[in-house]
Amino acid sequence: MLPATFKLCAGISYRHVRNMTGLRRTATVAISQHLERLAFAGPSPSTWINHVRRRSSLLSSRLEENPYSEVEMSYIKQGEEALKKSLNILEGQDGWKTEIVAQNGDKVLSKVLPDIGKVFKLEVVLDQPLSSLYGELVDRMEQMGDWNPNVKEIKILQKIGKDTVITHETAAETVGKIVGPRDFVSVRCSKRRGSTCVLAGMSTRFGAMPEQKGVIRAENGPTCMVLRPFAEDPTRTKLTWLLSIDLKGWLPKSIINQVLSQTQMDFANHLRKRMTTSNALTALNIC
C-alpha cells in the first residue's frame, strides 16, 4: 500500500499533473490514513514517518491556497480599501456642514476633505428592520432602477466570493437635463460587523465594460452605506450614506452640490416608498 501511495504522491510533483486537484486530494488522504495506521502499529512513529507526515501536512495546506486569481484579489483589496477609507471619514465628527434637513428628520451634511474634495452624508431612520433593507440594497441591487428614478440601471458584471461584486450603474438624467447621462463601473464590498452592515464601494476599471458612446464615465468613491439597528427601537434601522463622487464634465460646483445633496434626500424617500409597497405586497400574499 505505501509504495503505491508514494508513487501517487510522486506523480503530482510533475507540472502537468500538479493542477489536478482531485488527484492531489486523493494522495493527501491516502498518505494520512496510512501514516495513522503505522503510528498505531508500534509504540511510537519513527523519524521518517514524522518527516513524511510533515510533508503530507504541507501538501494539505497547499490545497487550501487562495482560490482567487490575482485580478480577483485586486478587486477584493479595492473593495476593502473603499470600506476602510469610508469608515475613517465617517468616524471624523468635526467639520460637517448641514446642507438639507427635512421635516421628518432626514438630513444631508457635507465636508471638504484633502485629496478627495466634497463628500456628502445622508442620515435617516427607517421604519424597517435591518435584514429587510439589506435584502433590498444588496440581494436585490439590480432592481434599484425599478423604484429609484435617479438610477436607470444597475447590472452586476462579476461576483467574487460572497462579499465582492463589480457593477455597472447608469444614472438617469436630472430634471431639465442639467446633468446629462453618466455611468459608473464600481467594485462593491459588503461586510457585517456584529449588528452593523457596511456596503462600501469605489470606481474601478473592468475590461469588459469600456466607456459608452454618448455617456460620460463618472467616478465615485470611497463611498459606503452603514446600516445599524436604531438605538431607541431595534425594529427600525439607522442608515448613513457617505457619497463621494466626481460627475466629470463642465458643471458649476454649485449645481453639483445641489444635485448630489438632493439625490441623497430623494433616495431616502424612494426607499421608504419601496419598502412600504413591498411590505404591503407581502401582507397580501400571506393573506
C-alpha atoms as a PDB file:
ATOM      1  CA  MET A   1       0.000   0.000   0.000  1.00  0.00           C
ATOM      2  CA  LEU A   2       2.690   2.512   1.000  1.00  0.00           C
ATOM      3  CA  PRO A   3       4.861   2.163  -2.187  1.00  0.00           C
ATOM      4  CA  ALA A   4       1.753   2.676  -4.303  1.00  0.00           C
ATOM      5  CA  THR A   5       0.851   5.711  -2.230  1.00  0.00           C
ATOM      6  CA  PHE A   6       4.300   7.243  -2.710  1.00  0.00           C
ATOM      7  CA  LYS A   7       4.010   6.674  -6.462  1.00  0.00           C
ATOM      8  CA  LEU A   8       0.765   8.588  -6.370  1.00  0.00           C
ATOM      9  CA  CYS A   9       2.435  11.358  -4.364  1.00  0.00           C
ATOM     10  CA  ALA A  10       5.411  11.443  -6.740  1.00  0.00           C
ATOM     11  CA  GLY A  11       3.078  11.720  -9.702  1.00  0.00           C
ATOM     12  CA  ILE A  12       1.664  15.040  -8.512  1.00  0.00           C
ATOM     13  CA  SER A  13       5.137  16.559  -8.476  1.00  0.00           C
ATOM     14  CA  TYR A  14       5.102  16.683 -12.268  1.00  0.00           C
ATOM     15  CA  ARG A  15       3.975  20.035 -13.634  1.00  0.00           C
ATOM     16  CA  HIS A  16       1.299  18.639 -15.966  1.00  0.00           C
ATOM     17  CA  VAL A  17      -0.290  16.658 -13.130  1.00  0.00           C
ATOM     18  CA  ARG A  18       0.152  19.169 -10.308  1.00  0.00           C
ATOM     19  CA  ASN A  19      -3.005  21.118 -11.147  1.00  0.00           C
ATOM     20  CA  MET A  20      -5.232  18.042 -10.934  1.00  0.00           C
ATOM     21  CA  THR A  21      -6.851  18.954  -7.623  1.00  0.00           C
ATOM     22  CA  GLY A  22      -8.730  15.666  -7.266  1.00  0.00           C
ATOM     23  CA  LEU A  23      -5.512  13.645  -7.601  1.00  0.00           C
ATOM     24  CA  ARG A  24      -3.740  15.818  -5.052  1.00  0.00           C
ATOM     25  CA  ARG A  25      -6.525  15.371  -2.547  1.00  0.00           C
ATOM     26  CA  THR A  26      -6.558  11.604  -3.104  1.00  0.00           C
ATOM     27  CA  ALA A  27      -2.798  11.415  -2.467  1.00  0.00           C
ATOM     28  CA  THR A  28      -3.039  13.520   0.676  1.00  0.00           C
ATOM     29  CA  VAL A  29      -5.855  11.456   2.168  1.00  0.00           C
ATOM     30  CA  ALA A  30      -4.159   8.160   1.299  1.00  0.00           C
ATOM     31  CA  ILE A  31      -0.846   9.178   2.868  1.00  0.00           C
ATOM     32  CA  SER A  32      -2.512  10.491   6.005  1.00  0.00           C
ATOM     33  CA  GLN A  33      -4.545   7.337   6.513  1.00  0.00           C
ATOM     34  CA  HIS A  34      -1.563   5.033   6.001  1.00  0.00           C
ATOM     35  CA  LEU A  35       0.632   7.025   8.373  1.00  0.00           C
ATOM     36  CA  GLU A  36      -2.040   6.827  11.055  1.00  0.00           C
ATOM     37  CA  ARG A  37      -2.113   3.029  10.752  1.00  0.00           C
ATOM     38  CA  LEU A  38       1.689   2.891  11.041  1.00  0.00           C
ATOM     39  CA  ALA A  39       1.623   5.219  14.014  1.00  0.00           C
ATOM     40  CA  PHE A  40      -0.689   2.899  15.975  1.00  0.00           C
ATOM     41  CA  ALA A  41       1.141  -0.263  14.918  1.00  0.00           C
ATOM     42  CA  GLY A  42       4.139   0.394  17.202  1.00  0.00           C
ATOM     43  CA  PRO A  43       4.963   2.246  20.391  1.00  0.00           C
ATOM     44  CA  SER A  44       5.796   5.460  18.539  1.00  0.00           C
ATOM     45  CA  PRO A  45       6.210   6.702  14.962  1.00  0.00           C
ATOM     46  CA  SER A  46       9.695   6.542  13.567  1.00  0.00           C
ATOM     47  CA  THR A  47      11.641   9.593  12.437  1.00  0.00           C
ATOM     48  CA  TRP A  48      10.899   9.047   8.766  1.00  0.00           C
ATOM     49  CA  ILE A  49       7.163   8.744   9.461  1.00  0.00           C
ATOM     50  CA  ASN A  50       7.259  12.076  11.270  1.00  0.00           C
ATOM     51  CA  HIS A  51       9.096  13.596   8.319  1.00  0.00           C
ATOM     52  CA  VAL A  52       6.610  12.285   5.764  1.00  0.00           C
ATOM     53  CA  ARG A  53       3.718  13.363   7.979  1.00  0.00           C
ATOM     54  CA  ARG A  54       5.076  16.936   7.987  1.00  0.00           C
ATOM     55  CA  ARG A  55       5.346  16.827   4.194  1.00  0.00           C
ATOM     56  CA  SER A  56       1.803  15.498   3.994  1.00  0.00           C
ATOM     57  CA  SER A  57       0.613  18.344   6.226  1.00  0.00           C
ATOM     58  CA  LEU A  58       2.357  20.849   3.952  1.00  0.00           C
ATOM     59  CA  LEU A  59       0.622  19.333   0.939  1.00  0.00           C
ATOM     60  CA  SER A  60      -2.735  19.624   2.693  1.00  0.00           C
ATOM     61  CA  SER A  61      -2.122  23.266   3.488  1.00  0.00           C
ATOM     62  CA  ARG A  62      -1.360  23.985  -0.149  1.00  0.00           C
ATOM     63  CA  LEU A  63      -4.755  22.599  -1.077  1.00  0.00           C
ATOM     64  CA  GLU A  64      -6.225  25.479   0.899  1.00  0.00           C
ATOM     65  CA  GLU A  65      -4.406  28.089  -1.193  1.00  0.00           C
ATOM     66  CA  ASN A  66      -6.180  31.301  -2.200  1.00  0.00           C
ATOM     67  CA  PRO A  67      -8.884  30.309  -4.738  1.00  0.00           C
ATOM     68  CA  TYR A  68      -8.887  33.752  -6.377  1.00  0.00           C
ATOM     69  CA  SER A  69      -6.776  34.980  -9.273  1.00  0.00           C
ATOM     70  CA  GLU A  70      -4.500  37.999  -8.971  1.00  0.00           C
ATOM     71  CA  VAL A  71      -7.058  40.168 -10.759  1.00  0.00           C
ATOM     72  CA  GLU A  72      -9.858  38.996  -8.471  1.00  0.00           C
ATOM     73  CA  MET A  73      -7.694  39.639  -5.411  1.00  0.00           C
ATOM     74  CA  SER A  74      -7.010  43.169  -6.655  1.00  0.00           C
ATOM     75  CA  TYR A  75     -10.769  43.821  -6.774  1.00  0.00           C
ATOM     76  CA  ILE A  76     -11.248  42.369  -3.298  1.00  0.00           C
ATOM     77  CA  LYS A  77      -8.491  44.641  -1.973  1.00  0.00           C
ATOM     78  CA  GLN A  78     -10.054  47.670  -3.691  1.00  0.00           C
ATOM     79  CA  GLY A  79     -13.379  46.930  -2.008  1.00  0.00           C
ATOM     80  CA  GLU A  80     -11.736  46.566   1.389  1.00  0.00           C
ATOM     81  CA  GLU A  81      -9.806  49.791   0.813  1.00  0.00           C
ATOM     82  CA  ALA A  82     -13.053  51.617  -0.007  1.00  0.00           C
ATOM     83  CA  LEU A  83     -14.608  50.260   3.175  1.00  0.00           C
ATOM     84  CA  LYS A  84     -11.662  51.318   5.322  1.00  0.00           C
ATOM     85  CA  LYS A  85     -11.441  54.824   3.858  1.00  0.00           C
ATOM     86  CA  SER A  86     -15.196  55.367   4.099  1.00  0.00           C
ATOM     87  CA  LEU A  87     -15.387  54.371   7.744  1.00  0.00           C
ATOM     88  CA  ASN A  88     -12.410  56.597   8.556  1.00  0.00           C
ATOM     89  CA  ILE A  89     -14.258  59.537   7.020  1.00  0.00           C
ATOM     90  CA  LEU A  90     -17.472  58.791   8.896  1.00  0.00           C
ATOM     91  CA  GLU A  91     -15.598  58.467  12.188  1.00  0.00           C
ATOM     92  CA  GLY A  92     -14.498  62.087  11.883  1.00  0.00           C
ATOM     93  CA  GLN A  93     -17.200  64.058  13.693  1.00  0.00           C
ATOM     94  CA  ASP A  94     -15.829  67.550  13.116  1.00  0.00           C
ATOM     95  CA  GLY A  95     -16.262  69.825  10.119  1.00  0.00           C
ATOM     96  CA  TRP A  96     -19.635  68.644   8.839  1.00  0.00           C
ATOM     97  CA  LYS A  97     -21.895  71.344   7.429  1.00  0.00           C
ATOM     98  CA  THR A  98     -25.684  70.961   7.131  1.00  0.00           C
ATOM     99  CA  GLU A  99     -26.982  71.006   3.546  1.00  0.00           C
ATOM    100  CA  ILE A 100     -30.638  69.918   3.909  1.00  0.00           C
ATOM    101  CA  VAL A 101     -32.896  68.996   6.820  1.00  0.00           C
ATOM    102  CA  ALA A 102     -36.351  67.534   6.113  1.00  0.00           C
ATOM    103  CA  GLN A 103     -39.374  67.754   8.377  1.00  0.00           C
ATOM    104  CA  ASN A 104     -39.166  64.039   9.157  1.00  0.00           C
ATOM    105  CA  GLY A 105     -35.603  64.413  10.460  1.00  0.00           C
ATOM    106  CA  ASP A 106     -33.740  63.235   7.363  1.00  0.00           C
ATOM    107  CA  LYS A 107     -30.635  65.325   6.815  1.00  0.00           C
ATOM    108  CA  VAL A 108     -27.721  65.715   4.454  1.00  0.00           C
ATOM    109  CA  LEU A 109     -24.386  67.074   5.629  1.00  0.00           C
ATOM    110  CA  SER A 110     -21.167  67.805   3.755  1.00  0.00           C
ATOM    111  CA  LYS A 111     -17.460  68.199   4.359  1.00  0.00           C
ATOM    112  CA  VAL A 112     -14.460  69.103   2.203  1.00  0.00           C
ATOM    113  CA  LEU A 113     -11.551  66.660   2.525  1.00  0.00           C
ATOM    114  CA  PRO A 114      -7.978  66.912   1.211  1.00  0.00           C
ATOM    115  CA  ASP A 115      -7.292  64.790  -1.900  1.00  0.00           C
ATOM    116  CA  ILE A 116     -10.978  63.816  -2.116  1.00  0.00           C
ATOM    117  CA  GLY A 117     -12.974  67.022  -2.324  1.00  0.00           C
ATOM    118  CA  LYS A 118     -16.511  67.494  -1.093  1.00  0.00           C
ATOM    119  CA  VAL A 119     -18.298  64.494   0.379  1.00  0.00           C
ATOM    120  CA  PHE A 120     -21.928  64.217   1.439  1.00  0.00           C
ATOM    121  CA  LYS A 121     -23.508  62.272   4.292  1.00  0.00           C
ATOM    122  CA  LEU A 122     -27.157  61.251   4.485  1.00  0.00           C
ATOM    123  CA  GLU A 123     -28.538  60.299   7.911  1.00  0.00           C
ATOM    124  CA  VAL A 124     -32.019  58.777   8.147  1.00  0.00           C
ATOM    125  CA  VAL A 125     -34.016  56.422  10.350  1.00  0.00           C
ATOM    126  CA  LEU A 126     -36.236  53.943   8.512  1.00  0.00           C
ATOM    127  CA  ASP A 127     -39.200  52.020   9.908  1.00  0.00           C
ATOM    128  CA  GLN A 128     -37.809  48.730   8.645  1.00  0.00           C
ATOM    129  CA  PRO A 129     -35.619  46.024  10.197  1.00  0.00           C
ATOM    130  CA  LEU A 130     -32.030  45.875   9.038  1.00  0.00           C
ATOM    131  CA  SER A 131     -32.453  42.499   7.330  1.00  0.00           C
ATOM    132  CA  SER A 132     -35.197  43.834   5.033  1.00  0.00           C
ATOM    133  CA  LEU A 133     -33.138  46.847   3.980  1.00  0.00           C
ATOM    134  CA  TYR A 134     -30.048  44.704   3.438  1.00  0.00           C
ATOM    135  CA  GLY A 135     -32.044  42.415   1.170  1.00  0.00           C
ATOM    136  CA  GLU A 136     -33.286  45.350  -0.873  1.00  0.00           C
ATOM    137  CA  LEU A 137     -29.962  47.163  -1.182  1.00  0.00           C
ATOM    138  CA  VAL A 138     -27.671  44.149  -1.639  1.00  0.00           C
ATOM    139  CA  ASP A 139     -29.538  40.985  -2.629  1.00  0.00           C
ATOM    140  CA  ARG A 140     -31.904  42.870  -4.992  1.00  0.00           C
ATOM    141  CA  MET A 141     -29.418  45.517  -6.055  1.00  0.00           C
ATOM    142  CA  GLU A 142     -30.183  45.114  -9.756  1.00  0.00           C
ATOM    143  CA  GLN A 143     -33.829  46.044  -9.142  1.00  0.00           C
ATOM    144  CA  MET A 144     -32.984  49.521  -7.833  1.00  0.00           C
ATOM    145  CA  GLY A 145     -33.858  51.090 -11.179  1.00  0.00           C
ATOM    146  CA  ASP A 146     -37.444  49.893 -10.653  1.00  0.00           C
ATOM    147  CA  TRP A 147     -38.021  52.185  -7.690  1.00  0.00           C
ATOM    148  CA  ASN A 148     -35.301  54.858  -7.763  1.00  0.00           C
ATOM    149  CA  PRO A 149     -35.855  57.297 -10.675  1.00  0.00           C
ATOM    150  CA  ASN A 150     -32.287  58.583 -10.308  1.00  0.00           C
ATOM    151  CA  VAL A 151     -30.971  55.145 -11.344  1.00  0.00           C
ATOM    152  CA  LYS A 152     -31.627  53.914 -14.853  1.00  0.00           C
ATOM    153  CA  GLU A 153     -29.975  50.525 -14.439  1.00  0.00           C
ATOM    154  CA  ILE A 154     -27.609  48.571 -12.198  1.00  0.00           C
ATOM    155  CA  LYS A 155     -26.032  45.433 -13.582  1.00  0.00           C
ATOM    156  CA  ILE A 156     -23.720  43.023 -11.768  1.00  0.00           C
ATOM    157  CA  LEU A 157     -20.793  42.304 -14.101  1.00  0.00           C
ATOM    158  CA  GLN A 158     -18.947  39.823 -11.892  1.00  0.00           C
ATOM    159  CA  LYS A 159     -19.248  38.266  -8.455  1.00  0.00           C
ATOM    160  CA  ILE A 160     -16.092  37.489  -6.490  1.00  0.00           C
ATOM    161  CA  GLY A 161     -16.736  35.369  -3.440  1.00  0.00           C
ATOM    162  CA  LYS A 162     -19.657  36.242  -1.204  1.00  0.00           C
ATOM    163  CA  ASP A 163     -18.698  39.848  -0.379  1.00  0.00           C
ATOM    164  CA  THR A 164     -17.433  41.497  -3.572  1.00  0.00           C
ATOM    165  CA  VAL A 165     -19.117  42.401  -6.872  1.00  0.00           C
ATOM    166  CA  ILE A 166     -18.242  44.505  -9.911  1.00  0.00           C
ATOM    167  CA  THR A 167     -21.192  46.610 -11.105  1.00  0.00           C
ATOM    168  CA  HIS A 168     -22.133  48.921 -13.936  1.00  0.00           C
ATOM    169  CA  GLU A 169     -24.568  51.656 -12.995  1.00  0.00           C
ATOM    170  CA  THR A 170     -26.271  54.023 -15.409  1.00  0.00           C
ATOM    171  CA  ALA A 171     -27.635  57.181 -13.810  1.00  0.00           C
ATOM    172  CA  ALA A 172     -30.785  58.847 -15.127  1.00  0.00           C
ATOM    173  CA  GLU A 173     -30.628  62.386 -16.422  1.00  0.00           C
ATOM    174  CA  THR A 174     -31.642  65.023 -13.911  1.00  0.00           C
ATOM    175  CA  VAL A 175     -34.818  67.059 -14.352  1.00  0.00           C
ATOM    176  CA  GLY A 176     -34.285  69.597 -17.116  1.00  0.00           C
ATOM    177  CA  LYS A 177     -31.194  67.640 -18.208  1.00  0.00           C
ATOM    178  CA  ILE A 178     -28.957  69.817 -16.046  1.00  0.00           C
ATOM    179  CA  VAL A 179     -26.726  66.778 -15.656  1.00  0.00           C
ATOM    180  CA  GLY A 180     -26.575  64.541 -18.722  1.00  0.00           C
ATOM    181  CA  PRO A 181     -26.143  60.755 -18.901  1.00  0.00           C
ATOM    182  CA  ARG A 182     -23.484  59.340 -16.561  1.00  0.00           C
ATOM    183  CA  ASP A 183     -22.375  55.831 -15.821  1.00  0.00           C
ATOM    184  CA  PHE A 184     -20.091  54.195 -13.269  1.00  0.00           C
ATOM    185  CA  VAL A 185     -18.107  50.976 -13.044  1.00  0.00           C
ATOM    186  CA  SER A 186     -17.583  50.131  -9.383  1.00  0.00           C
ATOM    187  CA  VAL A 187     -16.261  47.456  -7.089  1.00  0.00           C
ATOM    188  CA  ARG A 188     -18.623  46.947  -4.139  1.00  0.00           C
ATOM    189  CA  CYS A 189     -17.885  45.222  -0.863  1.00  0.00           C
ATOM    190  CA  SER A 190     -20.434  44.181   1.775  1.00  0.00           C
ATOM    191  CA  LYS A 191     -19.384  43.311   5.321  1.00  0.00           C
ATOM    192  CA  ARG A 192     -21.236  42.558   8.531  1.00  0.00           C
ATOM    193  CA  ARG A 193     -19.693  43.599  11.835  1.00  0.00           C
ATOM    194  CA  GLY A 194     -21.863  42.348  14.640  1.00  0.00           C
ATOM    195  CA  SER A 195     -25.261  44.022  14.232  1.00  0.00           C
ATOM    196  CA  THR A 196     -23.871  46.566  11.734  1.00  0.00           C
ATOM    197  CA  CYS A 197     -23.734  46.122   7.957  1.00  0.00           C
ATOM    198  CA  VAL A 198     -21.399  48.164   5.761  1.00  0.00           C
ATOM    199  CA  LEU A 199     -21.805  48.408   1.985  1.00  0.00           C
ATOM    200  CA  ALA A 200     -18.775  50.140   0.503  1.00  0.00           C
ATOM    201  CA  GLY A 201     -17.539  50.856  -2.988  1.00  0.00           C
ATOM    202  CA  MET A 202     -15.340  52.835  -5.333  1.00  0.00           C
ATOM    203  CA  SER A 203     -14.753  53.238  -9.056  1.00  0.00           C
ATOM    204  CA  THR A 204     -12.647  50.648 -10.815  1.00  0.00           C
ATOM    205  CA  ARG A 205     -11.625  49.508 -14.280  1.00  0.00           C
ATOM    206  CA  PHE A 206     -13.232  46.491 -15.893  1.00  0.00           C
ATOM    207  CA  GLY A 207     -12.099  45.476 -19.363  1.00  0.00           C
ATOM    208  CA  ALA A 208     -15.461  44.065 -20.387  1.00  0.00           C
ATOM    209  CA  MET A 209     -17.198  47.413 -19.764  1.00  0.00           C
ATOM    210  CA  PRO A 210     -15.368  50.208 -21.638  1.00  0.00           C
ATOM    211  CA  GLU A 211     -16.733  53.754 -21.809  1.00  0.00           C
ATOM    212  CA  GLN A 212     -20.039  54.021 -23.660  1.00  0.00           C
ATOM    213  CA  LYS A 213     -20.665  56.388 -26.559  1.00  0.00           C
ATOM    214  CA  GLY A 214     -22.766  59.376 -25.546  1.00  0.00           C
ATOM    215  CA  VAL A 215     -22.351  58.687 -21.823  1.00  0.00           C
ATOM    216  CA  ILE A 216     -19.795  60.347 -19.540  1.00  0.00           C
ATOM    217  CA  ARG A 217     -17.927  57.845 -17.344  1.00  0.00           C
ATOM    218  CA  ALA A 218     -18.069  59.419 -13.883  1.00  0.00           C
ATOM    219  CA  GLU A 219     -16.151  58.277 -10.805  1.00  0.00           C
ATOM    220  CA  ASN A 220     -17.229  57.606  -7.249  1.00  0.00           C
ATOM    221  CA  GLY A 221     -15.658  56.614  -4.006  1.00  0.00           C
ATOM    222  CA  PRO A 222     -14.800  55.989  -1.446  1.00  0.00           C
ATOM    223  CA  THR A 223     -18.481  55.656  -0.662  1.00  0.00           C
ATOM    224  CA  CYS A 224     -20.498  53.478   1.673  1.00  0.00           C
ATOM    225  CA  MET A 225     -23.819  52.834   3.370  1.00  0.00           C
ATOM    226  CA  VAL A 226     -23.870  51.841   7.026  1.00  0.00           C
ATOM    227  CA  LEU A 227     -26.932  50.033   8.396  1.00  0.00           C
ATOM    228  CA  ARG A 228     -27.383  49.510  12.115  1.00  0.00           C
ATOM    229  CA  PRO A 229     -30.396  48.922  14.395  1.00  0.00           C
ATOM    230  CA  PHE A 230     -31.792  52.204  15.734  1.00  0.00           C
ATOM    231  CA  ALA A 231     -30.760  52.531  19.380  1.00  0.00           C
ATOM    232  CA  GLU A 232     -34.230  53.553  20.601  1.00  0.00           C
ATOM    233  CA  ASP A 233     -36.059  50.854  18.634  1.00  0.00           C
ATOM    234  CA  PRO A 234     -34.135  47.867  17.196  1.00  0.00           C
ATOM    235  CA  THR A 235     -37.010  47.099  14.781  1.00  0.00           C
ATOM    236  CA  ARG A 236     -36.067  50.299  12.946  1.00  0.00           C
ATOM    237  CA  THR A 237     -32.790  50.985  11.153  1.00  0.00           C
ATOM    238  CA  LYS A 238     -30.446  53.942  11.028  1.00  0.00           C
ATOM    239  CA  LEU A 239     -28.947  54.374   7.570  1.00  0.00           C
ATOM    240  CA  THR A 240     -25.894  56.541   6.939  1.00  0.00           C
ATOM    241  CA  TRP A 241     -24.839  57.053   3.335  1.00  0.00           C
ATOM    242  CA  LEU A 242     -21.454  58.586   2.550  1.00  0.00           C
ATOM    243  CA  LEU A 243     -21.343  59.869  -1.031  1.00  0.00           C
ATOM    244  CA  SER A 244     -18.121  60.905  -2.770  1.00  0.00           C
ATOM    245  CA  ILE A 245     -18.498  61.442  -6.494  1.00  0.00           C
ATOM    246  CA  ASP A 246     -16.921  63.192  -9.452  1.00  0.00           C
ATOM    247  CA  LEU A 247     -19.508  63.701 -12.194  1.00  0.00           C
ATOM    248  CA  LYS A 248     -16.862  64.835 -14.683  1.00  0.00           C
ATOM    249  CA  GLY A 249     -17.735  67.234 -17.485  1.00  0.00           C
ATOM    250  CA  TRP A 250     -18.121  71.013 -17.251  1.00  0.00           C
ATOM    251  CA  LEU A 251     -20.506  71.637 -14.380  1.00  0.00           C
ATOM    252  CA  PRO A 252     -20.532  74.508 -11.859  1.00  0.00           C
ATOM    253  CA  LYS A 253     -19.817  73.340  -8.304  1.00  0.00           C
ATOM    254  CA  SER A 254     -22.993  74.988  -7.030  1.00  0.00           C
ATOM    255  CA  ILE A 255     -25.098  72.822  -9.366  1.00  0.00           C
ATOM    256  CA  ILE A 256     -23.154  69.670  -8.478  1.00  0.00           C
ATOM    257  CA  ASN A 257     -23.616  70.272  -4.755  1.00  0.00           C
ATOM    258  CA  GLN A 258     -27.338  70.877  -5.196  1.00  0.00           C
ATOM    259  CA  VAL A 259     -27.834  67.796  -7.367  1.00  0.00           C
ATOM    260  CA  LEU A 260     -25.892  65.428  -5.100  1.00  0.00           C
ATOM    261  CA  SER A 261     -27.473  66.519  -1.817  1.00  0.00           C
ATOM    262  CA  GLN A 262     -30.958  66.364  -3.354  1.00  0.00           C
ATOM    263  CA  THR A 263     -30.175  62.947  -4.851  1.00  0.00           C
ATOM    264  CA  GLN A 264     -29.465  61.610  -1.370  1.00  0.00           C
ATOM    265  CA  MET A 265     -32.648  63.101   0.056  1.00  0.00           C
ATOM    266  CA  ASP A 266     -34.678  61.676  -2.845  1.00  0.00           C
ATOM    267  CA  PHE A 267     -33.090  58.265  -2.306  1.00  0.00           C
ATOM    268  CA  ALA A 268     -34.387  58.111   1.266  1.00  0.00           C
ATOM    269  CA  ASN A 269     -37.922  58.963   0.125  1.00  0.00           C
ATOM    270  CA  HIS A 270     -37.888  56.445  -2.724  1.00  0.00           C
ATOM    271  CA  LEU A 271     -36.508  53.717  -0.445  1.00  0.00           C
ATOM    272  CA  ARG A 272     -39.287  54.318   2.091  1.00  0.00           C
ATOM    273  CA  LYS A 273     -41.942  54.026  -0.609  1.00  0.00           C
ATOM    274  CA  ARG A 274     -40.329  50.868  -1.950  1.00  0.00           C
ATOM    275  CA  MET A 275     -40.259  49.191   1.453  1.00  0.00           C
ATOM    276  CA  THR A 276     -43.854  50.219   2.211  1.00  0.00           C
ATOM    277  CA  THR A 277     -45.016  48.759  -1.104  1.00  0.00           C
ATOM    278  CA  SER A 278     -43.018  45.563  -0.584  1.00  0.00           C
ATOM    279  CA  ASN A 279     -44.466  45.081   2.883  1.00  0.00           C
ATOM    280  CA  ALA A 280     -47.999  45.614   1.594  1.00  0.00           C
ATOM    281  CA  LEU A 281     -47.493  43.033  -1.162  1.00  0.00           C
ATOM    282  CA  THR A 282     -46.012  40.575   1.346  1.00  0.00           C
ATOM    283  CA  ALA A 283     -49.024  41.025   3.623  1.00  0.00           C
ATOM    284  CA  LEU A 284     -51.427  40.375   0.728  1.00  0.00           C
ATOM    285  CA  ASN A 285     -49.569  37.210  -0.240  1.00  0.00           C
ATOM    286  CA  ILE A 286     -49.741  35.955   3.334  1.00  0.00           C
ATOM    287  CA  CYS A 287     -53.455  36.579   3.435  1.00  0.00           C
END
